[in-house]
C-alpha atoms as a PDB file:
ATOM      1  CA  MET A   1      -0.440   0.290  -0.050  1.00  0.00           C
ATOM      2  CA  VAL A   2       0.989   3.767  -0.675  1.00  0.00           C
ATOM      3  CA  SER A   3       2.315   5.461   2.520  1.00  0.00           C
ATOM      4  CA  TYR A   4       3.501   8.870   2.899  1.00  0.00           C
ATOM      5  CA  LYS A   5       5.939  10.925   5.201  1.00  0.00           C
ATOM      6  CA  VAL A   6       3.406  14.629   5.017  1.00  0.00           C
ATOM      7  CA  VAL A   7       5.851  17.550   6.212  1.00  0.00           C
ATOM      8  CA  ILE A   8       3.606  20.272   7.134  1.00  0.00           C
ATOM      9  CA  SER A   9       4.865  24.169   7.000  1.00  0.00           C
ATOM     10  CA  ASP A  10       2.908  26.822   9.000  1.00  0.00           C
ATOM     11  CA  PRO A  11       3.497  29.893   7.616  1.00  0.00           C
ATOM     12  CA  LYS A  12       2.407  32.416  10.221  1.00  0.00           C
ATOM     13  CA  THR A  13       4.813  30.497  13.351  1.00  0.00           C
ATOM     14  CA  GLY A  14       7.536  29.458  10.752  1.00  0.00           C
ATOM     15  CA  LYS A  15       7.587  25.713  12.285  1.00  0.00           C
ATOM     16  CA  SER A  16       6.364  22.897  10.487  1.00  0.00           C
ATOM     17  CA  GLU A  17       5.323  18.790  11.991  1.00  0.00           C
ATOM     18  CA  ALA A  18       6.232  15.695   9.599  1.00  0.00           C
ATOM     19  CA  GLN A  19       3.010  13.157   9.836  1.00  0.00           C
ATOM     20  CA  GLU A  20       2.829   9.480   8.158  1.00  0.00           C
ATOM     21  CA  VAL A  21       0.070   9.089   5.309  1.00  0.00           C
ATOM     22  CA  LYS A  22      -1.022   5.706   5.018  1.00  0.00           C
ATOM     23  CA  ASP A  23      -2.878   3.142   2.777  1.00  0.00           C
ATOM     24  CA  ALA A  24      -6.810   5.075   1.548  1.00  0.00           C
ATOM     25  CA  ASN A  25      -5.868   8.389   3.051  1.00  0.00           C
ATOM     26  CA  ALA A  26      -2.603   8.692   1.337  1.00  0.00           C
ATOM     27  CA  GLN A  27      -4.805   7.543  -1.967  1.00  0.00           C
ATOM     28  CA  GLN A  28      -5.959  10.886  -1.754  1.00  0.00           C
ATOM     29  CA  LEU A  29      -2.255  12.275  -2.832  1.00  0.00           C
ATOM     30  CA  VAL A  30      -2.115  10.360  -5.665  1.00  0.00           C
ATOM     31  CA  GLY A  31      -2.536  12.383  -8.771  1.00  0.00           C
ATOM     32  CA  ARG A  32      -2.307  15.957  -7.757  1.00  0.00           C
ATOM     33  CA  LYS A  33       0.335  18.153  -8.858  1.00  0.00           C
ATOM     34  CA  ILE A  34       2.351  20.488  -7.091  1.00  0.00           C
ATOM     35  CA  GLY A  35       0.722  24.081  -6.348  1.00  0.00           C
ATOM     36  CA  GLU A  36      -2.713  22.525  -5.706  1.00  0.00           C
ATOM     37  CA  ILE A  37      -4.714  23.180  -2.534  1.00  0.00           C
ATOM     38  CA  VAL A  38      -5.612  19.222  -0.864  1.00  0.00           C
ATOM     39  CA  ASP A  39      -8.289  19.516   1.839  1.00  0.00           C
ATOM     40  CA  GLY A  40      -6.332  18.323   5.160  1.00  0.00           C
ATOM     41  CA  ALA A  41      -9.785  16.741   6.180  1.00  0.00           C
ATOM     42  CA  SER A  42      -9.842  14.622   3.045  1.00  0.00           C
ATOM     43  CA  ILE A  43      -6.404  13.289   3.940  1.00  0.00           C
ATOM     44  CA  GLY A  44      -6.632  13.226   8.012  1.00  0.00           C
ATOM     45  CA  LEU A  45      -4.712  16.155   8.443  1.00  0.00           C
ATOM     46  CA  SER A  46      -6.817  19.954   9.609  1.00  0.00           C
ATOM     47  CA  GLY A  47      -6.753  22.930   7.347  1.00  0.00           C
ATOM     48  CA  LYS A  48      -6.049  23.247   4.201  1.00  0.00           C
ATOM     49  CA  LEU A  49      -2.689  22.642   2.727  1.00  0.00           C
ATOM     50  CA  MET A  50      -0.564  23.547  -0.279  1.00  0.00           C
ATOM     51  CA  ILE A  51       1.284  21.191  -2.166  1.00  0.00           C
ATOM     52  CA  THR A  52       5.011  22.837  -2.653  1.00  0.00           C
ATOM     53  CA  GLY A  53       7.066  19.381  -3.410  1.00  0.00           C
ATOM     54  CA  GLY A  54       8.710  16.740  -2.564  1.00  0.00           C
ATOM     55  CA  SER A  55      11.423  13.412  -3.332  1.00  0.00           C
ATOM     56  CA  ASP A  56      11.530   9.863  -3.283  1.00  0.00           C
ATOM     57  CA  LYS A  57      12.670   6.846  -2.327  1.00  0.00           C
ATOM     58  CA  ALA A  58      16.537   7.834  -4.193  1.00  0.00           C
ATOM     59  CA  GLY A  59      16.078  11.592  -2.701  1.00  0.00           C
ATOM     60  CA  PHE A  60      15.483  13.041  -6.187  1.00  0.00           C
ATOM     61  CA  PRO A  61      13.383  16.096  -5.710  1.00  0.00           C
ATOM     62  CA  MET A  62      10.408  17.251  -7.564  1.00  0.00           C
ATOM     63  CA  ARG A  63      10.525  19.932  -9.432  1.00  0.00           C
ATOM     64  CA  SER A  64       7.223  22.438 -10.346  1.00  0.00           C
ATOM     65  CA  ASP A  65       8.551  22.389 -14.008  1.00  0.00           C
ATOM     66  CA  THR A  66       9.195  19.786 -14.800  1.00  0.00           C
ATOM     67  CA  LEU A  67       5.640  17.415 -16.186  1.00  0.00           C
ATOM     68  CA  GLY A  68       4.780  13.738 -14.647  1.00  0.00           C
ATOM     69  CA  GLY A  69       5.433  11.619 -12.503  1.00  0.00           C
ATOM     70  CA  GLY A  70       8.120   9.938 -13.435  1.00  0.00           C
ATOM     71  CA  LYS A  71      12.469  10.939 -13.654  1.00  0.00           C
ATOM     72  CA  ASN A  72      14.198  13.052 -16.252  1.00  0.00           C
ATOM     73  CA  TYR A  73      16.869  14.472 -16.651  1.00  0.00           C
ATOM     74  CA  VAL A  74      16.860  18.280 -16.668  1.00  0.00           C
ATOM     75  CA  LEU A  75      19.178  21.067 -18.034  1.00  0.00           C
ATOM     76  CA  LEU A  76      19.397  23.227 -15.373  1.00  0.00           C
ATOM     77  CA  THR A  77      20.660  26.537 -14.439  1.00  0.00           C
ATOM     78  CA  LYS A  78      19.263  26.716 -10.920  1.00  0.00           C
ATOM     79  CA  GLY A  79      16.527  26.087  -8.231  1.00  0.00           C
ATOM     80  CA  VAL A  80      15.336  22.514  -6.511  1.00  0.00           C
ATOM     81  CA  GLY A  81      17.232  20.582  -7.669  1.00  0.00           C
ATOM     82  CA  TYR A  82      20.555  21.728  -8.272  1.00  0.00           C
ATOM     83  CA  ARG A  83      23.455  24.090  -6.467  1.00  0.00           C
ATOM     84  CA  THR A  84      26.734  26.001  -7.448  1.00  0.00           C
ATOM     85  CA  ASN A  85      28.418  28.300  -6.881  1.00  0.00           C
ATOM     86  CA  GLU A  86      29.176  29.576  -9.881  1.00  0.00           C
ATOM     87  CA  ASP A  87      27.706  31.565 -12.525  1.00  0.00           C
ATOM     88  CA  GLY A  88      26.882  30.809 -16.097  1.00  0.00           C
ATOM     89  CA  VAL A  89      27.581  27.172 -16.194  1.00  0.00           C
ATOM     90  CA  LYS A  90      24.251  24.533 -16.813  1.00  0.00           C
ATOM     91  CA  LYS A  91      24.028  20.824 -16.223  1.00  0.00           C
ATOM     92  CA  ARG A  92      21.983  18.331 -16.764  1.00  0.00           C
ATOM     93  CA  LYS A  93      20.449  16.617 -13.503  1.00  0.00           C
ATOM     94  CA  LEU A  94      17.651  13.496 -12.567  1.00  0.00           C
ATOM     95  CA  VAL A  95      15.150  15.074 -11.201  1.00  0.00           C
ATOM     96  CA  ARG A  96      11.231  13.391 -10.512  1.00  0.00           C
ATOM     97  CA  GLY A  97       8.282  15.316 -11.922  1.00  0.00           C
ATOM     98  CA  ASN A  98       5.732  17.710 -10.397  1.00  0.00           C
ATOM     99  CA  THR A  99       2.694  14.750 -10.006  1.00  0.00           C
ATOM    100  CA  ILE A 100       2.750  12.588  -6.700  1.00  0.00           C
ATOM    101  CA  THR A 101       3.183   9.174  -7.477  1.00  0.00           C
ATOM    102  CA  GLU A 102       3.725   6.113  -5.499  1.00  0.00           C
ATOM    103  CA  GLU A 103       7.523   6.485  -5.655  1.00  0.00           C
ATOM    104  CA  VAL A 104       7.236   9.198  -4.074  1.00  0.00           C
ATOM    105  CA  PHE A 105       8.068   8.994  -0.415  1.00  0.00           C
ATOM    106  CA  GLN A 106       8.163  12.457   1.208  1.00  0.00           C
ATOM    107  CA  VAL A 107       5.517  15.343   0.386  1.00  0.00           C
ATOM    108  CA  ASN A 108       6.635  18.849   1.547  1.00  0.00           C
ATOM    109  CA  ALA A 109       2.902  20.881   1.992  1.00  0.00           C
ATOM    110  CA  LYS A 110       2.597  24.938   4.050  1.00  0.00           C
ATOM    111  CA  ARG A 111      -0.704  25.348   5.481  1.00  0.00           C
ATOM    112  CA  VAL A 112      -2.924  27.920   3.941  1.00  0.00           C
ATOM    113  CA  GLU A 113      -5.843  27.956   6.134  1.00  0.00           C
ATOM    114  CA  ASP A 114      -6.494  27.016   9.364  1.00  0.00           C
ATOM    115  CA  ALA A 115      -8.451  24.015  10.646  1.00  0.00           C
ATOM    116  CA  PRO A 116     -12.025  25.464  12.005  1.00  0.00           C
ATOM    117  CA  LYS A 117     -11.591  25.810  16.354  1.00  0.00           C
ATOM    118  CA  PRO A 118     -14.508  24.431  17.614  1.00  0.00           C
ATOM    119  CA  ALA A 119     -16.023  26.434  19.908  1.00  0.00           C
END
């Protein structure tokens, strides 16, 4: 079965927390893309969450401008999956696409809207 480690960042407090999402709740994330807003209740979490990235089991990062869920070699100059100290250097790196698949291990998200407080 599918299982994800979901790291949720709260921009208001600057803190993040990790949650394990398994089985039926994790199936709700399959096929979602970076930038989509997901209702946290549908995956067993609170509030609304925006998917901001992730990585697969081997550590290859998801990149928002690479389409699909597979791994691709992409020519990069900056951004996610590429670090350099030199200017003007391009390099072909292996990154994962912007769609969550079963090979993804960690999903990064940020809290967009808090859960309603019980009265």
